[in-house]
Amino acid sequence: MIGFLPLVRNETLKVWRKKRFWVIVALLVVLIPIFTYAQWKAAESFRKQSGTDDWRIRAEQQIHDFNNRIVSPRVPEEWKRTLRVEVQRLEYHLEHGIDPSAPSGVTFAREFAENAVGLFLPLMVMVIGADLVSSEQAQGTIKLLLTRPVRRWKVLASKYAALTLYVTLTVVAAAALAYAISGAAFGYSGWRVPVLVGFQVSAAGVDTTHVHAVEQWQYLLMTLGLVWFSCMTVAALSLMISVLVRSTAAGMGILLALLIAGSILANMASSWEHAKYFFMVNLNTVSYLAGQMPPIPGMTLPFSLAVLSATALVSVAVSFAVFTNRDVMN
């Protein structure tokens, strides 16, 4: 009987030989400098418009601009709720003397992770996990694998373990490259800059009772932990689709459609309360750390984690149930 670790090593090498992970790294190396330049230009443009390098004056100007939008009859009520939250958050930063946008490589890495968790990083995970089983079913190599003296659940568990490894490497590589590349423009300091967490956001406003400051390296670790959790949910789904659908292209299309639908729902279905039960709407778990308005009223970090956990568990259960009982010989 073949042991579990040799199976994991075999599946890890399969993914490595396909060079999917290196494609992801190459994409990050190409795109992150573009994002860095875009943020640098945005910061320069905002600095010129404000006419000062004092972050307090810039924050006050933002508050004034947001308040003007709030009273405008042309701004939708959903946007007004978000703007009110931003005004309260900026006022809290001003009261406690903490610059919410101090530029540094660490800040960029954190903000990149916050913005990438909803769609970009899940797409990178999909690239790795979408063909773990479907490609072997299409090529017929799954028959050779399952005729060996090893239980089917071990085969699928080894694929899931290899997928977990590459998801972790993807998240770490994204953060490391974001810090290394953006640091050339913004500097490599800022690890111990205080960041405010604990904002409780609701339709009524922002509750600052539990707000406290943590050092930015701690905030970055919390952010990456939530990003990893969201990506692992997508990984479990991609593995299930790979088991259910024999065509890799079809599987990738299904998952891509689901992820894009989540972005659309988050922006357009804020009044549909039941949309919060879709996993796609709950992927941006990092937004709760940043004190942002949830896409649908009533959503909280524990709620989103519960929805993602349930989605991942159901996906894993379906994957193992189908894979262990399928007749691969026919």
C-alpha atoms as a PDB file:
ATOM      1  CA  MET A   1       0.000   0.000   0.000  1.00  0.00           C
ATOM      2  CA  ILE A   2       1.389   3.380  -1.028  1.00  0.00           C
ATOM      3  CA  GLY A   3       1.795   5.900   1.813  1.00  0.00           C
ATOM      4  CA  PHE A   4       0.121   9.314   1.897  1.00  0.00           C
ATOM      5  CA  LEU A   5       3.279  11.472   1.778  1.00  0.00           C
ATOM      6  CA  PRO A   6       4.565   9.901  -1.474  1.00  0.00           C
ATOM      7  CA  LEU A   7       1.154  10.622  -3.008  1.00  0.00           C
ATOM      8  CA  VAL A   8       1.330  14.265  -1.894  1.00  0.00           C
ATOM      9  CA  ARG A   9       4.853  14.575  -3.297  1.00  0.00           C
ATOM     10  CA  ASN A  10       3.673  13.056  -6.582  1.00  0.00           C
ATOM     11  CA  GLU A  11       0.730  15.487  -6.877  1.00  0.00           C
ATOM     12  CA  THR A  12       2.949  18.437  -5.935  1.00  0.00           C
ATOM     13  CA  LEU A  13       5.395  17.520  -8.696  1.00  0.00           C
ATOM     14  CA  LYS A  14       2.553  17.192 -11.207  1.00  0.00           C
ATOM     15  CA  VAL A  15       1.475  20.781 -10.561  1.00  0.00           C
ATOM     16  CA  TRP A  16       5.104  21.921 -10.604  1.00  0.00           C
ATOM     17  CA  ARG A  17       5.742  20.340 -14.013  1.00  0.00           C
ATOM     18  CA  LYS A  18       2.681  22.054 -15.483  1.00  0.00           C
ATOM     19  CA  LYS A  19       4.360  25.374 -14.544  1.00  0.00           C
ATOM     20  CA  ARG A  20       1.023  26.895 -13.550  1.00  0.00           C
ATOM     21  CA  PHE A  21       2.522  28.391 -10.391  1.00  0.00           C
ATOM     22  CA  TRP A  22       5.313  30.051 -12.361  1.00  0.00           C
ATOM     23  CA  VAL A  23       2.732  31.542 -14.711  1.00  0.00           C
ATOM     24  CA  ILE A  24       1.076  33.102 -11.652  1.00  0.00           C
ATOM     25  CA  VAL A  25       4.427  34.460 -10.430  1.00  0.00           C
ATOM     26  CA  ALA A  26       5.131  35.892 -13.875  1.00  0.00           C
ATOM     27  CA  LEU A  27       1.728  37.610 -13.929  1.00  0.00           C
ATOM     28  CA  LEU A  28       2.407  39.124 -10.515  1.00  0.00           C
ATOM     29  CA  VAL A  29       5.831  40.362 -11.612  1.00  0.00           C
ATOM     30  CA  VAL A  30       4.260  42.048 -14.650  1.00  0.00           C
ATOM     31  CA  LEU A  31       1.135  43.479 -13.001  1.00  0.00           C
ATOM     32  CA  ILE A  32       2.412  44.672  -9.605  1.00  0.00           C
ATOM     33  CA  PRO A  33       4.718  47.348 -11.115  1.00  0.00           C
ATOM     34  CA  ILE A  34       1.688  48.636 -13.054  1.00  0.00           C
ATOM     35  CA  PHE A  35      -0.379  48.786  -9.857  1.00  0.00           C
ATOM     36  CA  THR A  36       2.517  50.476  -8.053  1.00  0.00           C
ATOM     37  CA  TYR A  37       2.860  53.136 -10.735  1.00  0.00           C
ATOM     38  CA  ALA A  38      -0.917  53.687 -10.751  1.00  0.00           C
ATOM     39  CA  GLN A  39      -0.960  54.225  -6.988  1.00  0.00           C
ATOM     40  CA  TRP A  40       2.055  56.532  -7.158  1.00  0.00           C
ATOM     41  CA  LYS A  41       0.365  58.630  -9.853  1.00  0.00           C
ATOM     42  CA  ALA A  42      -2.868  58.710  -7.850  1.00  0.00           C
ATOM     43  CA  ALA A  43      -0.989  59.862  -4.741  1.00  0.00           C
ATOM     44  CA  GLU A  44       0.840  62.542  -6.736  1.00  0.00           C
ATOM     45  CA  SER A  45      -2.388  63.736  -8.323  1.00  0.00           C
ATOM     46  CA  PHE A  46      -4.160  63.925  -4.966  1.00  0.00           C
ATOM     47  CA  ARG A  47      -1.177  65.740  -3.435  1.00  0.00           C
ATOM     48  CA  LYS A  48      -1.232  68.328  -6.232  1.00  0.00           C
ATOM     49  CA  GLN A  49      -4.976  68.842  -5.918  1.00  0.00           C
ATOM     50  CA  SER A  50      -4.760  69.282  -2.165  1.00  0.00           C
ATOM     51  CA  GLY A  51      -1.677  71.499  -2.470  1.00  0.00           C
ATOM     52  CA  THR A  52      -0.059  70.106   0.678  1.00  0.00           C
ATOM     53  CA  ASP A  53       1.939  67.179   2.045  1.00  0.00           C
ATOM     54  CA  ASP A  54       0.177  67.356   5.411  1.00  0.00           C
ATOM     55  CA  TRP A  55      -2.018  64.254   5.732  1.00  0.00           C
ATOM     56  CA  ARG A  56      -4.311  66.034   8.210  1.00  0.00           C
ATOM     57  CA  ILE A  57      -5.224  68.694   5.649  1.00  0.00           C
ATOM     58  CA  ARG A  58      -5.751  66.028   2.987  1.00  0.00           C
ATOM     59  CA  ALA A  59      -7.996  64.053   5.346  1.00  0.00           C
ATOM     60  CA  GLU A  60     -10.042  67.170   6.141  1.00  0.00           C
ATOM     61  CA  GLN A  61     -10.424  67.863   2.412  1.00  0.00           C
ATOM     62  CA  GLN A  62     -11.619  64.279   1.870  1.00  0.00           C
ATOM     63  CA  ILE A  63     -14.162  64.680   4.668  1.00  0.00           C
ATOM     64  CA  HIS A  64     -15.411  67.921   3.097  1.00  0.00           C
ATOM     65  CA  ASP A  65     -15.694  66.252  -0.320  1.00  0.00           C
ATOM     66  CA  PHE A  66     -17.534  63.229   1.103  1.00  0.00           C
ATOM     67  CA  ASN A  67     -19.975  65.459   3.010  1.00  0.00           C
ATOM     68  CA  ASN A  68     -20.769  67.349  -0.202  1.00  0.00           C
ATOM     69  CA  ARG A  69     -21.556  64.058  -1.937  1.00  0.00           C
ATOM     70  CA  ILE A  70     -23.737  62.902   0.954  1.00  0.00           C
ATOM     71  CA  VAL A  71     -26.036  65.922   0.656  1.00  0.00           C
ATOM     72  CA  SER A  72     -26.218  65.616  -3.126  1.00  0.00           C
ATOM     73  CA  PRO A  73     -29.587  64.248  -4.350  1.00  0.00           C
ATOM     74  CA  ARG A  74     -27.872  62.570  -7.313  1.00  0.00           C
ATOM     75  CA  VAL A  75     -25.856  60.144  -5.159  1.00  0.00           C
ATOM     76  CA  PRO A  76     -27.629  56.791  -4.455  1.00  0.00           C
ATOM     77  CA  GLU A  77     -28.458  56.034  -0.822  1.00  0.00           C
ATOM     78  CA  GLU A  78     -26.188  52.942  -0.837  1.00  0.00           C
ATOM     79  CA  TRP A  79     -23.194  55.120  -1.720  1.00  0.00           C
ATOM     80  CA  LYS A  80     -24.193  57.686   0.906  1.00  0.00           C
ATOM     81  CA  ARG A  81     -24.056  55.015   3.627  1.00  0.00           C
ATOM     82  CA  THR A  82     -20.543  54.080   2.535  1.00  0.00           C
ATOM     83  CA  LEU A  83     -19.448  57.736   2.452  1.00  0.00           C
ATOM     84  CA  ARG A  84     -20.807  58.332   5.971  1.00  0.00           C
ATOM     85  CA  VAL A  85     -18.716  55.407   7.197  1.00  0.00           C
ATOM     86  CA  GLU A  86     -15.621  56.835   5.510  1.00  0.00           C
ATOM     87  CA  VAL A  87     -16.241  60.249   7.088  1.00  0.00           C
ATOM     88  CA  GLN A  88     -16.498  58.743  10.577  1.00  0.00           C
ATOM     89  CA  ARG A  89     -13.401  56.629  10.020  1.00  0.00           C
ATOM     90  CA  LEU A  90     -11.338  59.613   8.837  1.00  0.00           C
ATOM     91  CA  GLU A  91     -12.551  61.715  11.758  1.00  0.00           C
ATOM     92  CA  TYR A  92     -11.407  59.005  14.154  1.00  0.00           C
ATOM     93  CA  HIS A  93      -7.945  58.952  12.527  1.00  0.00           C
ATOM     94  CA  LEU A  94      -7.714  62.726  12.848  1.00  0.00           C
ATOM     95  CA  GLU A  95      -8.690  62.636  16.516  1.00  0.00           C
ATOM     96  CA  HIS A  96      -6.007  60.046  17.291  1.00  0.00           C
ATOM     97  CA  GLY A  97      -3.282  61.456  15.023  1.00  0.00           C
ATOM     98  CA  ILE A  98      -2.822  58.357  12.838  1.00  0.00           C
ATOM     99  CA  ASP A  99      -2.218  58.799   9.099  1.00  0.00           C
ATOM    100  CA  PRO A 100      -4.542  56.266   7.389  1.00  0.00           C
ATOM    101  CA  SER A 101      -2.576  56.307   4.130  1.00  0.00           C
ATOM    102  CA  ALA A 102       1.112  56.561   5.041  1.00  0.00           C
ATOM    103  CA  PRO A 103       2.891  55.259   1.897  1.00  0.00           C
ATOM    104  CA  SER A 104       5.316  52.335   2.221  1.00  0.00           C
ATOM    105  CA  GLY A 105       5.972  48.938   0.724  1.00  0.00           C
ATOM    106  CA  VAL A 106       4.176  47.304   3.654  1.00  0.00           C
ATOM    107  CA  THR A 107       1.107  49.490   3.177  1.00  0.00           C
ATOM    108  CA  PHE A 108       1.026  48.690  -0.535  1.00  0.00           C
ATOM    109  CA  ALA A 109       1.315  44.934   0.142  1.00  0.00           C
ATOM    110  CA  ARG A 110      -1.579  45.180   2.600  1.00  0.00           C
ATOM    111  CA  GLU A 111      -3.752  47.230   0.256  1.00  0.00           C
ATOM    112  CA  PHE A 112      -2.910  44.944  -2.671  1.00  0.00           C
ATOM    113  CA  ALA A 113      -4.087  41.928  -0.660  1.00  0.00           C
ATOM    114  CA  GLU A 114      -7.260  43.801   0.374  1.00  0.00           C
ATOM    115  CA  ASN A 115      -8.134  44.609  -3.241  1.00  0.00           C
ATOM    116  CA  ALA A 116      -7.050  41.268  -4.732  1.00  0.00           C
ATOM    117  CA  VAL A 117      -9.003  38.962  -2.412  1.00  0.00           C
ATOM    118  CA  GLY A 118     -12.347  39.530  -4.132  1.00  0.00           C
ATOM    119  CA  LEU A 119     -11.388  38.397  -7.648  1.00  0.00           C
ATOM    120  CA  PHE A 120      -7.715  38.535  -8.642  1.00  0.00           C
ATOM    121  CA  LEU A 121      -6.239  36.001  -6.201  1.00  0.00           C
ATOM    122  CA  PRO A 122      -9.219  33.603  -6.481  1.00  0.00           C
ATOM    123  CA  LEU A 123      -8.617  33.579 -10.247  1.00  0.00           C
ATOM    124  CA  MET A 124      -4.974  32.669  -9.626  1.00  0.00           C
ATOM    125  CA  VAL A 125      -6.097  29.813  -7.372  1.00  0.00           C
ATOM    126  CA  MET A 126      -8.519  28.670 -10.067  1.00  0.00           C
ATOM    127  CA  VAL A 127      -5.653  28.421 -12.558  1.00  0.00           C
ATOM    128  CA  ILE A 128      -3.980  25.836 -10.311  1.00  0.00           C
ATOM    129  CA  GLY A 129      -6.970  23.853  -9.078  1.00  0.00           C
ATOM    130  CA  ALA A 130      -9.322  23.717 -12.057  1.00  0.00           C
ATOM    131  CA  ASP A 131      -7.666  20.726 -13.753  1.00  0.00           C
ATOM    132  CA  LEU A 132      -6.319  18.645 -10.857  1.00  0.00           C
ATOM    133  CA  VAL A 133      -8.799  15.853 -11.596  1.00  0.00           C
ATOM    134  CA  SER A 134     -10.509  16.826 -14.859  1.00  0.00           C
ATOM    135  CA  SER A 135      -7.277  16.755 -16.886  1.00  0.00           C
ATOM    136  CA  GLU A 136      -6.481  13.228 -15.704  1.00  0.00           C
ATOM    137  CA  GLN A 137     -10.038  12.123 -16.467  1.00  0.00           C
ATOM    138  CA  ALA A 138      -9.848  13.599 -19.977  1.00  0.00           C
ATOM    139  CA  GLN A 139      -6.456  12.013 -20.674  1.00  0.00           C
ATOM    140  CA  GLY A 140      -7.350   8.678 -19.089  1.00  0.00           C
ATOM    141  CA  THR A 141      -4.407   8.716 -16.679  1.00  0.00           C
ATOM    142  CA  ILE A 142      -6.797   8.557 -13.709  1.00  0.00           C
ATOM    143  CA  LYS A 143      -7.437   4.909 -14.588  1.00  0.00           C
ATOM    144  CA  LEU A 144      -3.749   4.067 -14.195  1.00  0.00           C
ATOM    145  CA  LEU A 145      -3.596   5.922 -10.881  1.00  0.00           C
ATOM    146  CA  LEU A 146      -6.642   4.195  -9.393  1.00  0.00           C
ATOM    147  CA  THR A 147      -5.487   0.705 -10.408  1.00  0.00           C
ATOM    148  CA  ARG A 148      -2.534   1.066  -8.045  1.00  0.00           C
ATOM    149  CA  PRO A 149      -2.791  -0.301  -4.462  1.00  0.00           C
ATOM    150  CA  VAL A 150      -4.105   2.913  -2.896  1.00  0.00           C
ATOM    151  CA  ARG A 151      -7.522   3.982  -1.654  1.00  0.00           C
ATOM    152  CA  ARG A 152      -9.370   6.573  -3.689  1.00  0.00           C
ATOM    153  CA  TRP A 153      -9.877   8.947  -0.771  1.00  0.00           C
ATOM    154  CA  LYS A 154      -6.108   9.052  -0.293  1.00  0.00           C
ATOM    155  CA  VAL A 155      -5.622   9.988  -3.938  1.00  0.00           C
ATOM    156  CA  LEU A 156      -8.063  12.904  -3.682  1.00  0.00           C
ATOM    157  CA  ALA A 157      -6.741  13.922  -0.244  1.00  0.00           C
ATOM    158  CA  SER A 158      -3.219  14.105  -1.673  1.00  0.00           C
ATOM    159  CA  LYS A 159      -4.481  16.380  -4.462  1.00  0.00           C
ATOM    160  CA  TYR A 160      -6.170  18.601  -1.888  1.00  0.00           C
ATOM    161  CA  ALA A 161      -2.968  18.733   0.191  1.00  0.00           C
ATOM    162  CA  ALA A 162      -0.924  19.736  -2.873  1.00  0.00           C
ATOM    163  CA  LEU A 163      -3.535  22.367  -3.745  1.00  0.00           C
ATOM    164  CA  THR A 164      -3.351  23.769  -0.196  1.00  0.00           C
ATOM    165  CA  LEU A 165       0.421  24.060  -0.532  1.00  0.00           C
ATOM    166  CA  TYR A 166       0.190  25.997  -3.794  1.00  0.00           C
ATOM    167  CA  VAL A 167      -2.576  28.267  -2.489  1.00  0.00           C
ATOM    168  CA  THR A 168      -0.328  29.144   0.449  1.00  0.00           C
ATOM    169  CA  LEU A 169       2.618  29.771  -1.878  1.00  0.00           C
ATOM    170  CA  THR A 170       0.446  31.971  -4.111  1.00  0.00           C
ATOM    171  CA  VAL A 171      -0.683  34.183  -1.208  1.00  0.00           C
ATOM    172  CA  VAL A 172       2.862  34.446   0.189  1.00  0.00           C
ATOM    173  CA  ALA A 173       4.359  35.151  -3.247  1.00  0.00           C
ATOM    174  CA  ALA A 174       1.779  37.878  -3.936  1.00  0.00           C
ATOM    175  CA  ALA A 175       2.527  39.629  -0.633  1.00  0.00           C
ATOM    176  CA  ALA A 176       6.313  39.260  -0.961  1.00  0.00           C
ATOM    177  CA  LEU A 177       6.414  40.535  -4.551  1.00  0.00           C
ATOM    178  CA  ALA A 178       4.062  43.427  -3.727  1.00  0.00           C
ATOM    179  CA  TYR A 179       6.346  44.490  -0.877  1.00  0.00           C
ATOM    180  CA  ALA A 180       9.593  43.996  -2.811  1.00  0.00           C
ATOM    181  CA  ILE A 181       8.479  45.814  -5.967  1.00  0.00           C
ATOM    182  CA  SER A 182       6.474  48.657  -4.397  1.00  0.00           C
ATOM    183  CA  GLY A 183       9.175  49.246  -1.795  1.00  0.00           C
ATOM    184  CA  ALA A 184      11.412  50.606  -4.548  1.00  0.00           C
ATOM    185  CA  ALA A 185       8.912  53.477  -4.979  1.00  0.00           C
ATOM    186  CA  PHE A 186       7.533  53.933  -1.466  1.00  0.00           C
ATOM    187  CA  GLY A 187      10.327  52.643   0.758  1.00  0.00           C
ATOM    188  CA  TYR A 188      10.663  49.447   2.790  1.00  0.00           C
ATOM    189  CA  SER A 189       9.868  50.893   6.220  1.00  0.00           C
ATOM    190  CA  GLY A 190       6.513  51.109   7.960  1.00  0.00           C
ATOM    191  CA  TRP A 191       6.368  47.710   9.659  1.00  0.00           C
ATOM    192  CA  ARG A 192       5.554  49.252  13.037  1.00  0.00           C
ATOM    193  CA  VAL A 193       3.213  52.020  11.890  1.00  0.00           C
ATOM    194  CA  PRO A 194      -0.005  51.882  13.979  1.00  0.00           C
ATOM    195  CA  VAL A 195      -3.162  50.795  12.130  1.00  0.00           C
ATOM    196  CA  LEU A 196      -6.629  51.139  13.621  1.00  0.00           C
ATOM    197  CA  VAL A 197      -8.836  48.018  13.754  1.00  0.00           C
ATOM    198  CA  GLY A 198     -12.092  47.144  15.468  1.00  0.00           C
ATOM    199  CA  PHE A 199     -14.530  49.406  13.619  1.00  0.00           C
ATOM    200  CA  GLN A 200     -18.063  47.991  13.904  1.00  0.00           C
ATOM    201  CA  VAL A 201     -19.911  49.145  10.791  1.00  0.00           C
ATOM    202  CA  SER A 202     -23.687  49.006  10.381  1.00  0.00           C
ATOM    203  CA  ALA A 203     -26.445  50.952   8.666  1.00  0.00           C
ATOM    204  CA  ALA A 204     -26.649  53.128  11.774  1.00  0.00           C
ATOM    205  CA  GLY A 205     -23.035  54.239  11.440  1.00  0.00           C
ATOM    206  CA  VAL A 206     -19.682  53.283  12.928  1.00  0.00           C
ATOM    207  CA  ASP A 207     -19.228  51.992  16.470  1.00  0.00           C
ATOM    208  CA  THR A 208     -15.707  52.876  17.674  1.00  0.00           C
ATOM    209  CA  THR A 209     -16.048  51.268  21.122  1.00  0.00           C
ATOM    210  CA  HIS A 210     -13.679  48.423  20.290  1.00  0.00           C
ATOM    211  CA  VAL A 211     -11.261  50.338  18.065  1.00  0.00           C
ATOM    212  CA  HIS A 212      -7.599  49.852  18.956  1.00  0.00           C
ATOM    213  CA  ALA A 213      -4.254  50.225  17.227  1.00  0.00           C
ATOM    214  CA  VAL A 214      -2.034  47.344  16.116  1.00  0.00           C
ATOM    215  CA  GLU A 215       1.335  47.505  14.412  1.00  0.00           C
ATOM    216  CA  GLN A 216       1.194  47.209  10.656  1.00  0.00           C
ATOM    217  CA  TRP A 217       3.062  43.881  10.530  1.00  0.00           C
ATOM    218  CA  GLN A 218       0.325  42.398  12.736  1.00  0.00           C
ATOM    219  CA  TYR A 219      -2.359  43.882  10.520  1.00  0.00           C
ATOM    220  CA  LEU A 220      -0.632  42.466   7.449  1.00  0.00           C
ATOM    221  CA  LEU A 221      -0.570  38.963   8.997  1.00  0.00           C
ATOM    222  CA  MET A 222      -4.281  39.212   9.842  1.00  0.00           C
ATOM    223  CA  THR A 223      -5.005  40.370   6.300  1.00  0.00           C
ATOM    224  CA  LEU A 224      -3.048  37.534   4.705  1.00  0.00           C
ATOM    225  CA  GLY A 225      -4.733  35.016   7.001  1.00  0.00           C
ATOM    226  CA  LEU A 226      -8.178  36.127   5.839  1.00  0.00           C
ATOM    227  CA  VAL A 227      -7.014  36.204   2.215  1.00  0.00           C
ATOM    228  CA  TRP A 228      -5.726  32.629   2.564  1.00  0.00           C
ATOM    229  CA  PHE A 229      -9.041  31.510   4.069  1.00  0.00           C
ATOM    230  CA  SER A 230     -11.017  33.008   1.167  1.00  0.00           C
ATOM    231  CA  CYS A 231      -8.647  31.468  -1.379  1.00  0.00           C
ATOM    232  CA  MET A 232      -8.956  28.050   0.249  1.00  0.00           C
ATOM    233  CA  THR A 233     -12.728  28.244  -0.204  1.00  0.00           C
ATOM    234  CA  VAL A 234     -12.204  28.884  -3.906  1.00  0.00           C
ATOM    235  CA  ALA A 235      -9.673  26.033  -3.968  1.00  0.00           C
ATOM    236  CA  ALA A 236     -12.226  23.617  -2.485  1.00  0.00           C
ATOM    237  CA  LEU A 237     -14.782  24.720  -5.085  1.00  0.00           C
ATOM    238  CA  SER A 238     -12.308  24.373  -7.938  1.00  0.00           C
ATOM    239  CA  LEU A 239     -11.440  20.852  -6.787  1.00  0.00           C
ATOM    240  CA  MET A 240     -15.143  19.911  -6.653  1.00  0.00           C
ATOM    241  CA  ILE A 241     -15.778  21.302 -10.137  1.00  0.00           C
ATOM    242  CA  SER A 242     -12.688  19.471 -11.401  1.00  0.00           C
ATOM    243  CA  VAL A 243     -14.159  16.229 -10.055  1.00  0.00           C
ATOM    244  CA  LEU A 244     -17.654  16.852 -11.433  1.00  0.00           C
ATOM    245  CA  VAL A 245     -16.713  18.236 -14.866  1.00  0.00           C
ATOM    246  CA  ARG A 246     -14.389  16.291 -17.151  1.00  0.00           C
ATOM    247  CA  SER A 247     -13.521  19.325 -19.286  1.00  0.00           C
ATOM    248  CA  THR A 248     -10.949  21.669 -17.749  1.00  0.00           C
ATOM    249  CA  ALA A 249     -12.104  24.580 -19.917  1.00  0.00           C
ATOM    250  CA  ALA A 250     -15.719  24.087 -18.844  1.00  0.00           C
ATOM    251  CA  GLY A 251     -14.706  23.885 -15.186  1.00  0.00           C
ATOM    252  CA  MET A 252     -12.692  27.092 -15.401  1.00  0.00           C
ATOM    253  CA  GLY A 253     -15.588  28.798 -17.180  1.00  0.00           C
ATOM    254  CA  ILE A 254     -18.040  27.800 -14.444  1.00  0.00           C
ATOM    255  CA  LEU A 255     -15.815  29.063 -11.635  1.00  0.00           C
ATOM    256  CA  LEU A 256     -14.968  32.256 -13.518  1.00  0.00           C
ATOM    257  CA  ALA A 257     -18.665  32.967 -14.019  1.00  0.00           C
ATOM    258  CA  LEU A 258     -19.340  32.421 -10.298  1.00  0.00           C
ATOM    259  CA  LEU A 259     -16.543  34.785  -9.233  1.00  0.00           C
ATOM    260  CA  ILE A 260     -17.617  37.525 -11.641  1.00  0.00           C
ATOM    261  CA  ALA A 261     -21.224  37.102 -10.542  1.00  0.00           C
ATOM    262  CA  GLY A 262     -20.072  37.719  -6.965  1.00  0.00           C
ATOM    263  CA  SER A 263     -18.541  41.064  -7.951  1.00  0.00           C
ATOM    264  CA  ILE A 264     -21.749  42.066  -9.712  1.00  0.00           C
ATOM    265  CA  LEU A 265     -23.936  41.029  -6.775  1.00  0.00           C
ATOM    266  CA  ALA A 266     -21.757  42.915  -4.289  1.00  0.00           C
ATOM    267  CA  ASN A 267     -22.170  46.124  -6.302  1.00  0.00           C
ATOM    268  CA  MET A 268     -25.759  45.825  -7.514  1.00  0.00           C
ATOM    269  CA  ALA A 269     -27.733  43.646  -5.094  1.00  0.00           C
ATOM    270  CA  SER A 270     -27.274  45.463  -1.790  1.00  0.00           C
ATOM    271  CA  SER A 271     -31.057  45.609  -1.322  1.00  0.00           C
ATOM    272  CA  TRP A 272     -31.459  41.832  -1.854  1.00  0.00           C
ATOM    273  CA  GLU A 273     -30.797  40.526   1.639  1.00  0.00           C
ATOM    274  CA  HIS A 274     -30.642  36.841   0.693  1.00  0.00           C
ATOM    275  CA  ALA A 275     -27.705  37.494  -1.641  1.00  0.00           C
ATOM    276  CA  LYS A 276     -25.462  37.484   1.434  1.00  0.00           C
ATOM    277  CA  TYR A 277     -25.704  33.686   1.546  1.00  0.00           C
ATOM    278  CA  PHE A 278     -23.753  33.318  -1.706  1.00  0.00           C
ATOM    279  CA  PHE A 279     -20.094  32.497  -1.093  1.00  0.00           C
ATOM    280  CA  MET A 280     -18.932  34.943  -3.786  1.00  0.00           C
ATOM    281  CA  VAL A 281     -20.312  37.954  -1.898  1.00  0.00           C
ATOM    282  CA  ASN A 282     -18.433  36.889   1.250  1.00  0.00           C
ATOM    283  CA  LEU A 283     -14.952  36.493  -0.261  1.00  0.00           C
ATOM    284  CA  ASN A 284     -13.779  39.988   0.697  1.00  0.00           C
ATOM    285  CA  THR A 285     -13.334  39.177   4.393  1.00  0.00           C
ATOM    286  CA  VAL A 286     -10.537  41.745   4.701  1.00  0.00           C
ATOM    287  CA  SER A 287     -13.021  44.609   4.326  1.00  0.00           C
ATOM    288  CA  TYR A 288     -14.219  43.991   7.897  1.00  0.00           C
ATOM    289  CA  LEU A 289     -10.726  44.631   9.257  1.00  0.00           C
ATOM    290  CA  ALA A 290     -10.538  47.902   7.354  1.00  0.00           C
ATOM    291  CA  GLY A 291     -13.887  49.061   8.769  1.00  0.00           C
ATOM    292  CA  GLN A 292     -15.590  49.250   5.378  1.00  0.00           C
ATOM    293  CA  MET A 293     -19.316  49.068   4.796  1.00  0.00           C
ATOM    294  CA  PRO A 294     -20.408  45.473   4.084  1.00  0.00           C
ATOM    295  CA  PRO A 295     -21.864  44.909   0.589  1.00  0.00           C
ATOM    296  CA  ILE A 296     -25.213  43.835   2.109  1.00  0.00           C
ATOM    297  CA  PRO A 297     -26.579  45.060   5.467  1.00  0.00           C
ATOM    298  CA  GLY A 298     -26.349  42.475   8.235  1.00  0.00           C
ATOM    299  CA  MET A 299     -23.085  40.893   7.049  1.00  0.00           C
ATOM    300  CA  THR A 300     -20.304  40.542   9.625  1.00  0.00           C
ATOM    301  CA  LEU A 301     -16.912  38.848   9.705  1.00  0.00           C
ATOM    302  CA  PRO A 302     -18.187  35.772  11.658  1.00  0.00           C
ATOM    303  CA  PHE A 303     -21.099  35.489   9.219  1.00  0.00           C
ATOM    304  CA  SER A 304     -18.831  35.609   6.148  1.00  0.00           C
ATOM    305  CA  LEU A 305     -16.409  33.098   7.672  1.00  0.00           C
ATOM    306  CA  ALA A 306     -19.332  30.781   8.448  1.00  0.00           C
ATOM    307  CA  VAL A 307     -20.662  30.993   4.867  1.00  0.00           C
ATOM    308  CA  LEU A 308     -17.204  30.342   3.407  1.00  0.00           C
ATOM    309  CA  SER A 309     -16.593  27.450   5.810  1.00  0.00           C
ATOM    310  CA  ALA A 310     -19.930  25.843   4.930  1.00  0.00           C
ATOM    311  CA  THR A 311     -19.213  26.263   1.210  1.00  0.00           C
ATOM    312  CA  ALA A 312     -15.762  24.687   1.544  1.00  0.00           C
ATOM    313  CA  LEU A 313     -17.016  21.767   3.663  1.00  0.00           C
ATOM    314  CA  VAL A 314     -19.858  20.984   1.271  1.00  0.00           C
ATOM    315  CA  SER A 315     -17.474  21.200  -1.701  1.00  0.00           C
ATOM    316  CA  VAL A 316     -14.985  18.821  -0.081  1.00  0.00           C
ATOM    317  CA  ALA A 317     -17.757  16.389   0.922  1.00  0.00           C
ATOM    318  CA  VAL A 318     -19.216  16.334  -2.607  1.00  0.00           C
ATOM    319  CA  SER A 319     -15.732  15.906  -4.112  1.00  0.00           C
ATOM    320  CA  PHE A 320     -14.917  12.865  -1.986  1.00  0.00           C
ATOM    321  CA  ALA A 321     -18.401  11.334  -2.376  1.00  0.00           C
ATOM    322  CA  VAL A 322     -18.326  11.555  -6.185  1.00  0.00           C
ATOM    323  CA  PHE A 323     -14.652  10.641  -6.633  1.00  0.00           C
ATOM    324  CA  THR A 324     -14.736   7.558  -4.417  1.00  0.00           C
ATOM    325  CA  ASN A 325     -17.884   6.153  -6.090  1.00  0.00           C
ATOM    326  CA  ARG A 326     -17.396   7.056  -9.752  1.00  0.00           C
ATOM    327  CA  ASP A 327     -16.889   4.312 -12.312  1.00  0.00           C
ATOM    328  CA  VAL A 328     -13.727   5.577 -14.019  1.00  0.00           C
ATOM    329  CA  MET A 329     -13.269   2.451 -16.135  1.00  0.00           C
ATOM    330  CA  ASN A 330     -16.320   3.367 -18.235  1.00  0.00           C
END
